[in-house]
Protein backbone atom coordinates (compact mmCIF):
# COMPACT_ATOMS: atom_id res chain seq x y z
CA MET A 1 138.55 128.94 103.00
CA ALA A 2 139.09 131.84 105.29
CA THR A 3 139.67 131.05 108.94
CA GLU A 4 137.74 132.93 111.60
CA TYR A 5 140.08 133.84 114.41
CA GLY A 6 139.07 134.73 117.95
CA GLN A 7 135.99 132.54 118.27
CA GLY A 8 135.30 131.54 121.84
CA TYR A 9 137.27 134.41 123.31
CA GLY A 10 134.63 137.08 123.65
CA LEU A 11 134.03 139.52 126.46
CA ASP A 12 132.36 136.94 128.70
CA SER A 13 135.49 134.76 128.72
CA THR A 14 137.79 137.61 129.79
CA PRO A 15 138.97 137.05 133.35
CA VAL A 16 137.97 139.57 136.00
CA GLY A 17 140.76 142.06 136.48
CA HIS A 18 142.03 141.52 132.92
CA PRO A 19 143.29 144.80 131.41
CA GLY A 20 140.84 144.39 128.56
CA ARG A 21 137.85 144.87 130.88
CA ALA A 22 138.81 148.44 131.77
CA GLY A 23 139.16 149.24 128.10
CA GLU A 24 135.75 147.72 127.40
CA ARG A 25 134.16 149.77 130.19
CA ARG A 26 135.74 152.94 128.80
CA ARG A 27 134.42 152.14 125.35
CA ARG A 28 130.90 151.77 126.73
CA LEU A 29 130.90 155.54 127.26
CA PRO A 30 129.79 157.56 124.24
CA ALA A 31 132.57 159.09 122.19
CA VAL A 32 131.39 162.57 123.17
CA LEU A 33 132.05 161.87 126.85
CA ARG A 34 135.33 160.01 126.26
CA ALA A 35 136.88 162.72 124.10
CA PRO A 36 138.06 165.12 126.91
CA VAL A 37 140.14 162.38 128.57
CA GLU A 38 141.42 160.55 125.50
CA GLY A 39 145.03 160.80 124.51
CA ARG A 40 144.10 161.89 121.01
CA ALA A 41 142.43 165.06 122.31
CA TRP A 42 145.50 166.02 124.33
CA ARG A 43 147.83 165.31 121.41
CA GLU A 44 145.74 167.51 119.14
CA LEU A 45 145.70 170.26 121.75
CA GLY A 46 149.48 169.97 122.05
CA TYR A 47 149.76 170.27 118.28
CA VAL A 48 147.71 173.49 118.31
CA LEU A 49 149.71 174.95 121.20
CA LEU A 50 153.01 174.22 119.46
CA SER A 51 151.77 175.62 116.16
CA LEU A 52 151.95 179.25 117.29
CA PRO A 53 155.68 179.42 118.21
CA ILE A 54 156.58 177.20 115.27
CA GLY A 55 154.43 179.33 112.97
CA ILE A 56 156.16 182.50 114.15
CA LEU A 57 159.57 180.90 113.50
CA LEU A 58 158.57 179.65 110.05
CA PHE A 59 156.96 182.95 109.02
CA THR A 60 159.90 185.01 110.23
CA TYR A 61 162.43 182.79 108.46
CA ALA A 62 160.48 182.62 105.20
CA VAL A 63 159.71 186.33 104.97
CA THR A 64 163.24 187.32 105.94
CA MET A 65 164.98 185.00 103.48
CA VAL A 66 162.63 185.74 100.59
CA SER A 67 162.75 189.49 101.17
CA LEU A 68 166.53 189.42 101.45
CA GLY A 69 166.86 187.24 98.37
CA ALA A 70 164.44 189.39 96.33
CA GLY A 71 166.25 192.54 97.40
CA LEU A 72 169.60 191.11 96.34
CA LEU A 73 168.39 189.83 92.97
CA VAL A 74 169.95 192.88 91.34
CA THR A 75 173.21 191.13 92.17
CA PHE A 76 174.06 187.46 91.88
CA LEU A 77 173.88 187.06 95.67
CA GLY A 78 170.09 187.10 95.60
CA VAL A 79 169.84 183.75 93.80
CA PRO A 80 171.75 181.63 96.37
CA VAL A 81 170.02 183.45 99.25
CA LEU A 82 166.60 182.71 97.75
CA ALA A 83 167.60 179.10 97.08
CA ALA A 84 168.81 178.74 100.67
CA GLY A 85 165.52 180.16 101.93
CA LEU A 86 163.52 177.67 99.87
CA ALA A 87 165.76 174.80 100.99
CA GLY A 88 165.22 175.83 104.61
CA CYS A 89 161.47 175.84 104.05
CA ARG A 90 161.74 172.29 102.69
CA GLY A 91 163.62 171.29 105.83
CA PHE A 92 160.98 172.86 108.06
CA GLY A 93 158.39 171.03 105.98
CA ALA A 94 160.01 167.72 106.88
CA LEU A 95 159.83 168.64 110.58
CA GLU A 96 156.17 169.60 110.19
CA ARG A 97 155.36 166.27 108.55
CA THR A 98 157.04 164.52 111.48
CA ARG A 99 155.08 166.62 113.98
CA ALA A 100 151.81 165.90 112.19
CA ARG A 101 152.62 162.20 112.13
CA GLY A 102 153.40 162.08 115.84
CA LEU A 103 150.59 164.26 117.19
CA LEU A 104 147.84 164.01 114.57
CA GLY A 105 148.54 160.53 113.23
CA LEU A 106 148.70 161.99 109.71
CA GLU A 107 150.86 160.01 107.29
CA VAL A 108 152.11 162.25 104.50
CA ALA A 109 154.63 161.02 101.95
CA GLU A 110 157.71 163.04 101.17
CA PRO A 111 157.44 165.41 98.21
CA GLU A 112 159.26 164.81 94.97
CA PRO A 113 163.07 165.01 95.35
CA LEU A 114 165.21 167.58 93.61
CA ARG A 115 165.98 166.66 90.01
CA MET A 116 169.52 167.67 89.09
CA LYS A 117 170.87 166.83 85.64
CA ARG A 118 174.42 167.46 86.82
CA GLN A 119 176.33 167.91 90.06
CA GLY A 120 177.39 171.22 91.52
CA PHE A 121 176.13 174.16 93.53
CA THR A 122 174.68 175.94 90.50
CA ALA A 123 172.72 172.85 89.49
CA TRP A 124 171.45 172.52 93.06
CA MET A 125 170.25 176.14 93.11
CA GLY A 126 168.44 175.66 89.82
CA ALA A 127 166.78 172.46 91.05
CA VAL A 128 165.60 174.13 94.27
CA LEU A 129 164.19 177.13 92.44
CA LYS A 130 162.44 174.95 89.82
CA SER A 131 160.95 172.52 92.34
CA GLY A 132 157.27 173.01 93.01
CA ALA A 133 157.68 171.38 96.44
CA SER A 134 160.01 174.21 97.49
CA TRP A 135 157.48 176.91 96.66
CA ARG A 136 154.66 174.95 98.30
CA ALA A 137 156.75 174.73 101.48
CA LEU A 138 157.27 178.51 101.32
CA LEU A 139 153.51 179.02 100.89
CA TYR A 140 152.90 176.78 103.91
CA ALA A 141 155.30 178.85 106.03
CA VAL A 142 153.43 182.03 105.10
CA LEU A 143 149.88 180.70 105.50
CA HIS A 144 150.53 178.71 108.65
CA LEU A 145 151.06 181.65 110.99
CA PRO A 146 147.63 183.37 110.68
CA TRP A 147 145.84 180.06 111.00
CA ALA A 148 148.05 178.96 113.91
CA THR A 149 147.29 182.24 115.69
CA PHE A 150 143.56 181.83 115.21
CA SER A 151 143.48 178.17 116.28
CA PHE A 152 145.73 178.90 119.29
CA VAL A 153 143.45 181.71 120.55
CA VAL A 154 140.26 179.70 120.04
CA SER A 155 141.64 176.51 121.60
CA VAL A 156 143.16 178.19 124.65
CA THR A 157 140.01 180.26 125.19
CA VAL A 158 137.51 177.41 125.08
CA TRP A 159 139.83 175.07 127.01
CA THR A 160 140.41 177.64 129.77
CA ILE A 161 136.73 178.59 130.03
CA GLY A 162 135.62 174.96 130.11
CA TRP A 163 137.94 173.72 132.83
CA SER A 164 137.64 176.93 134.87
CA LEU A 165 133.87 176.74 135.01
CA LEU A 166 133.83 172.97 135.50
CA THR A 167 136.15 173.15 138.50
CA TYR A 168 134.51 176.28 139.94
CA PRO A 169 132.92 174.34 142.84
CA LEU A 170 136.38 173.12 143.88
CA TRP A 171 138.05 176.49 144.15
CA PHE A 172 135.01 178.66 145.03
CA TRP A 173 136.53 179.16 148.47
CA VAL A 174 139.47 181.00 146.85
CA PHE A 175 137.39 184.11 146.11
CA PRO A 176 136.16 184.97 149.62
CA MET A 177 139.36 183.69 151.21
CA TYR A 178 142.03 185.36 149.07
CA ALA A 179 140.31 187.73 146.63
CA GLY A 180 137.96 189.39 149.09
CA GLN A 181 134.83 188.82 146.99
CA GLY A 182 131.96 186.36 147.02
CA GLY A 183 132.82 184.48 143.84
CA ILE A 184 132.79 185.18 140.12
CA GLN A 185 131.23 188.62 139.58
CA LEU A 186 128.51 188.73 136.93
CA TYR A 187 127.59 192.43 137.34
CA GLY A 188 128.85 195.34 139.33
CA ASP A 189 128.50 199.12 139.61
CA GLY A 190 128.99 201.69 142.31
CA GLU A 191 126.17 200.28 144.48
CA HIS A 192 125.32 196.73 143.35
CA ARG A 193 127.38 193.61 142.74
CA ILE A 194 126.13 190.16 141.70
CA TYR A 195 128.26 187.09 142.40
CA LEU A 196 127.90 183.38 141.66
CA ASP A 197 127.77 182.38 145.30
CA ASN A 198 124.77 180.11 145.95
CA SER A 199 124.49 176.38 145.30
CA PHE A 200 122.18 176.70 142.31
CA GLU A 201 124.41 179.20 140.51
CA ILE A 202 127.54 177.19 141.26
CA THR A 203 125.88 174.04 139.88
CA VAL A 204 124.73 175.81 136.71
CA THR A 205 128.23 177.24 136.27
CA ALA A 206 129.77 173.77 136.58
CA LEU A 207 127.27 172.35 134.07
CA ILE A 208 128.12 175.09 131.58
CA GLY A 209 131.78 174.30 132.14
CA LEU A 210 131.04 170.63 131.49
CA LEU A 211 129.47 171.53 128.14
CA PHE A 212 132.50 173.61 127.21
CA THR A 213 134.84 170.83 128.33
CA ILE A 214 133.01 168.25 126.24
CA ALA A 215 132.90 170.55 123.21
CA THR A 216 136.56 171.62 123.40
CA PRO A 217 138.12 168.41 121.93
CA TRP A 218 135.73 168.53 119.00
CA ILE A 219 136.45 172.22 118.38
CA VAL A 220 140.18 171.54 118.50
CA ARG A 221 139.73 168.54 116.18
CA ALA A 222 137.84 170.69 113.70
CA LEU A 223 140.65 173.24 113.80
CA THR A 224 143.30 170.58 113.22
CA MET A 225 141.42 169.42 110.12
CA VAL A 226 142.61 172.60 108.43
CA ASP A 227 146.16 171.81 109.57
CA ARG A 228 145.81 168.34 108.07
CA LEU A 229 144.75 169.87 104.76
CA LEU A 230 147.64 172.33 104.81
CA VAL A 231 150.24 169.67 105.61
CA HIS A 232 148.83 167.17 103.14
CA GLY A 233 148.29 169.66 100.34
CA LEU A 234 151.43 171.80 100.64
CA LEU A 235 154.06 169.59 102.26
CA GLY A 236 153.29 166.30 100.54
CA PRO A 237 153.76 165.22 96.92
CA SER A 238 151.68 166.97 94.31
CA ARG A 239 148.77 165.20 92.66
CA LEU A 240 150.73 165.00 89.42
CA VAL A 241 153.71 163.35 91.10
CA THR A 242 151.40 160.97 92.99
CA ARG A 243 149.75 160.03 89.73
CA VAL A 244 153.12 159.45 88.07
CA VAL A 245 154.16 157.15 90.93
CA GLU A 246 150.89 155.23 90.60
CA LEU A 247 151.39 154.87 86.85
CA GLU A 248 154.96 153.67 87.36
CA SER A 249 153.72 151.10 89.86
CA ASP A 250 150.94 150.03 87.48
CA ARG A 251 153.44 149.78 84.63
CA GLY A 252 155.59 147.50 86.79
CA ALA A 253 152.53 145.36 87.55
CA VAL A 254 151.72 145.15 83.83
CA PHE A 255 155.29 144.11 83.02
CA ASP A 256 155.24 141.47 85.77
CA THR A 257 151.89 140.14 84.53
CA ALA A 258 153.11 140.03 80.93
CA ALA A 259 156.30 138.23 82.01
CA ALA A 260 154.27 135.72 84.02
CA ASP A 261 151.98 135.12 81.02
CA LEU A 262 154.97 134.58 78.75
CA ARG A 263 156.47 132.10 81.23
CA ARG A 264 153.13 130.29 81.42
CA ILE A 265 152.86 130.09 77.63
CA GLU A 266 156.45 128.85 77.36
CA ARG A 267 155.83 126.23 80.05
CA ASP A 268 152.59 125.07 78.43
CA LEU A 269 154.28 124.80 75.03
CA HIS A 270 157.28 122.97 76.45
CA ASP A 271 155.35 120.56 78.65
CA GLY A 272 152.34 120.12 76.37
CA ALA A 273 152.29 120.55 72.61
CA GLN A 274 156.07 120.56 72.14
CA ALA A 275 156.51 117.31 74.04
CA ARG A 276 153.68 115.69 72.08
CA LEU A 277 155.16 116.84 68.77
CA VAL A 278 158.56 115.40 69.74
CA ASN A 279 156.93 112.06 70.60
CA LEU A 280 154.96 112.28 67.35
CA ALA A 281 158.16 112.75 65.34
CA MET A 282 159.76 109.77 67.09
CA ASP A 283 156.68 107.58 66.48
CA LEU A 284 156.55 108.53 62.82
CA GLY A 285 160.27 107.75 62.51
CA LEU A 286 159.73 104.30 64.01
CA ALA A 287 156.70 103.75 61.77
CA LYS A 288 158.78 104.68 58.72
CA GLU A 289 161.42 102.12 59.68
CA LYS A 290 158.80 99.39 60.19
CA LEU A 291 156.79 100.23 57.08
CA ARG A 292 158.52 97.61 54.95
CA GLU A 293 159.10 94.99 57.63
CA ASP A 294 155.72 95.09 59.39
CA PRO A 295 153.15 97.24 57.56
CA ARG A 296 150.40 96.34 60.06
CA ALA A 297 152.44 97.52 63.06
CA ALA A 298 153.47 100.63 61.14
CA ALA A 299 149.82 101.37 60.36
CA HIS A 300 148.98 100.99 64.06
CA MET A 301 151.77 103.39 65.00
CA VAL A 302 150.57 105.90 62.39
CA ASP A 303 147.05 105.64 63.84
CA GLU A 304 148.40 106.39 67.32
CA ALA A 305 150.39 109.30 65.89
CA HIS A 306 147.18 110.61 64.34
CA GLY A 307 145.59 110.64 67.79
CA GLU A 308 148.61 112.49 69.17
CA VAL A 309 148.24 115.07 66.42
CA LYS A 310 144.61 115.66 67.40
CA THR A 311 145.56 116.02 71.07
CA ALA A 312 148.39 118.43 70.24
CA LEU A 313 146.07 120.50 68.05
CA GLN A 314 143.51 120.69 70.87
CA GLU A 315 146.19 121.80 73.30
CA LEU A 316 147.35 124.46 70.84
CA ARG A 317 143.75 125.66 70.44
CA ASP A 318 143.37 125.88 74.21
CA LEU A 319 146.65 127.75 74.47
CA ALA A 320 145.63 130.17 71.71
CA ARG A 321 142.27 130.66 73.42
CA GLY A 322 144.13 131.49 76.65
CA ILE A 323 146.22 134.11 74.85
CA HIS A 324 143.30 135.81 73.11
CA PRO A 325 140.28 133.84 71.89
CA ALA A 326 139.20 134.42 68.31
CA VAL A 327 135.54 134.47 69.34
CA LEU A 328 136.22 137.52 71.51
CA THR A 329 137.71 139.41 68.58
CA ASP A 330 135.04 138.35 66.11
CA ARG A 331 131.83 138.38 68.16
CA GLY A 332 132.50 140.28 71.40
CA LEU A 333 132.06 139.66 75.10
CA ASP A 334 128.63 138.02 74.98
CA ALA A 335 129.71 135.12 72.79
CA ALA A 336 133.15 134.83 74.40
CA LEU A 337 131.76 134.68 77.93
CA SER A 338 129.09 132.20 76.88
CA SER A 339 131.87 130.03 75.45
CA VAL A 340 133.97 130.12 78.62
CA ALA A 341 130.87 129.56 80.77
CA SER A 342 130.05 126.39 78.84
CA ARG A 343 133.35 124.90 80.00
CA CYS A 344 132.65 125.58 83.68
CA THR A 345 131.83 122.59 85.89
CA VAL A 346 128.59 124.21 87.16
CA PRO A 347 125.69 125.77 85.26
CA VAL A 348 126.42 129.45 84.57
CA ARG A 349 123.91 132.12 83.58
CA VAL A 350 125.49 134.81 81.39
CA GLU A 351 123.85 138.21 80.85
CA VAL A 352 125.68 140.93 78.88
CA ASP A 353 123.88 144.26 78.54
CA LEU A 354 126.07 146.39 76.28
CA THR A 355 124.93 148.52 73.35
CA GLU A 356 128.47 148.88 71.99
CA ARG A 357 131.78 147.14 72.40
CA PRO A 358 134.49 148.52 74.70
CA ALA A 359 138.08 148.99 73.64
CA PRO A 360 139.92 145.71 72.90
CA ALA A 361 142.23 146.08 75.92
CA ILE A 362 139.31 146.59 78.33
CA GLU A 363 137.34 143.84 76.63
CA GLY A 364 140.25 141.44 76.99
CA ILE A 365 140.74 142.21 80.67
CA ALA A 366 137.02 141.73 81.32
CA TYR A 367 137.13 138.37 79.53
CA PHE A 368 140.16 137.07 81.39
CA THR A 369 138.70 138.30 84.70
CA VAL A 370 135.54 136.28 84.17
CA SER A 371 137.56 133.30 82.90
CA GLU A 372 139.77 133.31 86.02
CA LEU A 373 136.78 133.69 88.35
CA LEU A 374 134.92 130.80 86.68
CA GLN A 375 138.04 128.65 87.02
CA ASN A 376 138.10 129.49 90.72
CA ILE A 377 134.47 128.42 90.98
CA SER A 378 135.25 125.12 89.25
CA LYS A 379 138.28 124.40 91.46
CA HIS A 380 137.49 125.83 94.89
CA ALA A 381 133.91 127.01 95.36
CA ARG A 382 132.00 123.67 95.49
CA ALA A 383 129.04 125.60 94.05
CA THR A 384 125.95 124.33 92.21
CA TRP A 385 125.29 127.44 90.12
CA ALA A 386 126.97 130.67 89.08
CA SER A 387 126.05 133.81 87.20
CA VAL A 388 127.94 136.38 85.13
CA GLU A 389 126.56 139.87 84.53
CA VAL A 390 128.17 142.61 82.45
CA TRP A 391 126.78 146.11 82.04
CA ARG A 392 127.84 149.70 81.61
CA THR A 393 127.30 152.48 84.17
CA GLU A 394 128.18 155.93 82.81
CA ASN A 395 131.91 155.71 82.10
CA ARG A 396 132.55 152.39 83.87
CA LEU A 397 132.27 148.79 82.71
CA MET A 398 130.88 146.58 85.47
CA VAL A 399 131.48 142.83 85.66
CA GLN A 400 129.90 140.74 88.41
CA VAL A 401 130.39 137.01 89.02
CA GLU A 402 128.35 135.29 91.73
CA ASP A 403 128.12 131.71 93.00
CA ASN A 404 126.52 129.82 95.89
CA GLY A 405 129.70 128.07 96.99
CA VAL A 406 131.40 127.83 100.37
CA GLY A 407 132.82 131.38 100.28
CA GLY A 408 135.92 132.48 102.13
CA ALA A 409 137.68 134.01 99.12
CA ASP A 410 140.17 136.77 99.95
CA ALA A 411 141.64 139.10 97.33
CA SER A 412 144.42 140.20 99.72
CA ASP A 413 145.79 136.67 100.10
CA ALA A 414 148.31 136.11 97.33
CA SER A 415 149.24 132.64 98.59
CA GLY A 416 145.80 131.10 98.61
CA GLY A 417 146.00 129.90 95.05
CA SER A 418 142.82 131.65 93.98
CA GLY A 419 144.50 134.24 91.74
CA LEU A 420 142.36 137.07 93.12
CA ALA A 421 145.41 139.11 94.11
CA GLY A 422 146.74 138.88 90.56
CA LEU A 423 143.35 139.89 89.18
CA ALA A 424 143.28 142.91 91.49
CA GLU A 425 146.75 143.98 90.27
CA ARG A 426 145.75 143.55 86.63
CA LEU A 427 142.63 145.66 87.12
CA ASP A 428 144.53 148.29 89.09
CA ALA A 429 146.92 148.68 86.16
CA VAL A 430 144.06 150.18 84.10
CA ASP A 431 142.45 152.11 86.99
CA GLY A 432 140.05 149.28 87.73
CA ILE A 433 138.76 147.96 91.04
CA LEU A 434 138.11 144.42 92.29
CA VAL A 435 135.65 144.05 95.17
CA VAL A 436 135.24 140.62 96.79
CA ASN A 437 132.30 139.86 99.07
CA SER A 438 132.76 136.28 100.20
CA PRO A 439 131.72 135.48 103.79
CA ALA A 440 132.48 132.04 105.16
CA GLY A 441 129.69 129.73 104.06
CA GLY A 442 128.92 131.80 100.97
CA PRO A 443 127.62 133.09 98.73
CA THR A 444 130.48 134.79 96.89
CA ARG A 445 130.05 137.94 94.82
CA VAL A 446 133.03 139.39 92.97
CA THR A 447 132.56 142.75 91.24
CA ALA A 448 135.12 144.14 88.81
CA GLU A 449 134.92 147.79 87.77
CA LEU A 450 136.81 148.90 84.66
CA PRO A 451 137.06 152.27 82.93
CA TRP A 452 134.89 152.43 79.82
CA ARG A 453 136.77 153.13 76.65
CA ALA A 454 134.73 152.72 73.50
CA GLU A 455 136.09 150.74 70.56
CA ARG A 456 137.57 153.00 67.91
CA THR A 457 135.87 152.91 64.53
CA ARG A 458 138.22 151.54 61.92
C-alpha cells in the first residue's frame, strides 16, 4: 500500500518566521502579479537580450563559411571549408542547447552523432556533410538572427516603457530640475505645450506603466516559445532518430521480458514438473523391485505414483497455459478471459465487446495483462469484486480492470511486488500505455491501451 508522506505538517504547523511562510505568502499572489519579480521572467529576458549578439555571431559565421565553401567548390578546398563551417554550427548548437537549458529550463537531447564507417579526415568530412543535424544547425544559425532581432526590439521596448512609466512619480522632479520642462511632453507646437505634470496624470501614467510591467514577462515568455521551438526542432535529435532510439529501448525491454519468461519457465519446470517426474521414476523403480517380494506394497507405490503423474500433468497444463493458453488461440479473448477470471479468488465480471479479433501478439499481451492484474487482485487487493472490460476505440484496444480493494497500487514502483512496472514496460514495447488510478483506500482502476492490429486472414 502506498504511504502518504507529509501528513500533519501542513501550513498551520509551520513555525512563525520559517522560510516556508514567505514562500507561501508569495504564492498567494496571482501568477500575473508575481511574474515581473520572479526569477524565471528575468532569466527569459536575459535569454532574449543575449540572443541578439549571439545571433549576429552565428549568422555571420554561417553565411561566411558557407559562402566561402560554396565559392571554393570549384576546387577541392571548398569541401573541407564547408565541412568546417557545418562542424562549427554543430558546436554553436551545443552552446545554444546549454544556454536554453540554463535560462529557459529547456532540456533538449543531443542530436545524432556522426556516423563514420572508417577513420580519417576524408571520412569525417563525408560524415559531417551527410549528417542532417549539421544542416539543421546551419538552418538555425540563419533563422535565429531575424527572430532574435525582432524579439530583442519588442522586449526592450515594452520593458523600457513599462518601468519608465511605472517609476515616473519617482523621477518626475528630474524634468523641471534638470531638463527645464514640466514633465513628459504629450503635445507641443510653437505656442502650446502639454505636459504630464498634475497628480491625476502622473497617477494614470504610473497605472499604464504597471499594466506594461505586468504584461512584459508574458510577452517575453511568448517570444521565447518560438526560441524553444527552434532549439528543440533544429538543434535536437530528429523525430526519426528519436523514434529509432525508442524502438531500440523497446526492443531491449522485449528481450529482457522474454529472458525473464524463459527463466521463469525453466525454474517452474525444474522445481515443479521435473522434480515430480524424477520422484515418479524413483518410486516406479522401487515398486518394480518390490513387485515380486511384496505385491501389495508395490501396488500402493504405483497408486501413489499415479497421483504424482496427475499432479505433474496439472502443473504442465498450468505452465502451458502461462506460456500461451490454447483457449486463447481457439476461441479468443472472451473465452480466455472468462477462464482466467474463474480462477480468481473474488467474483469477476467479464465483458468483451469486440466485433473481430486483434492480431495474435496484441491479443496475447491483452490476455497476460488481465491475467497479471487479476493475480494482483487475488494476492494484494483484499477486494470483494472485480470487473474486466475490453473494447475497441478507433485504432486502439482498451482493457480496463477494476476492483474495490484497498488501493495504493503504483506502476512506478518496481520493488513493490505487484508487477505493474513490468506490465508498463511490456505495453510500452508495442506502443501501449498503462494508466493506474489507485488512491489509498481504493477503488483501483487500471486501464491498458494497446494499438489495434486486426488479425490477418489466413
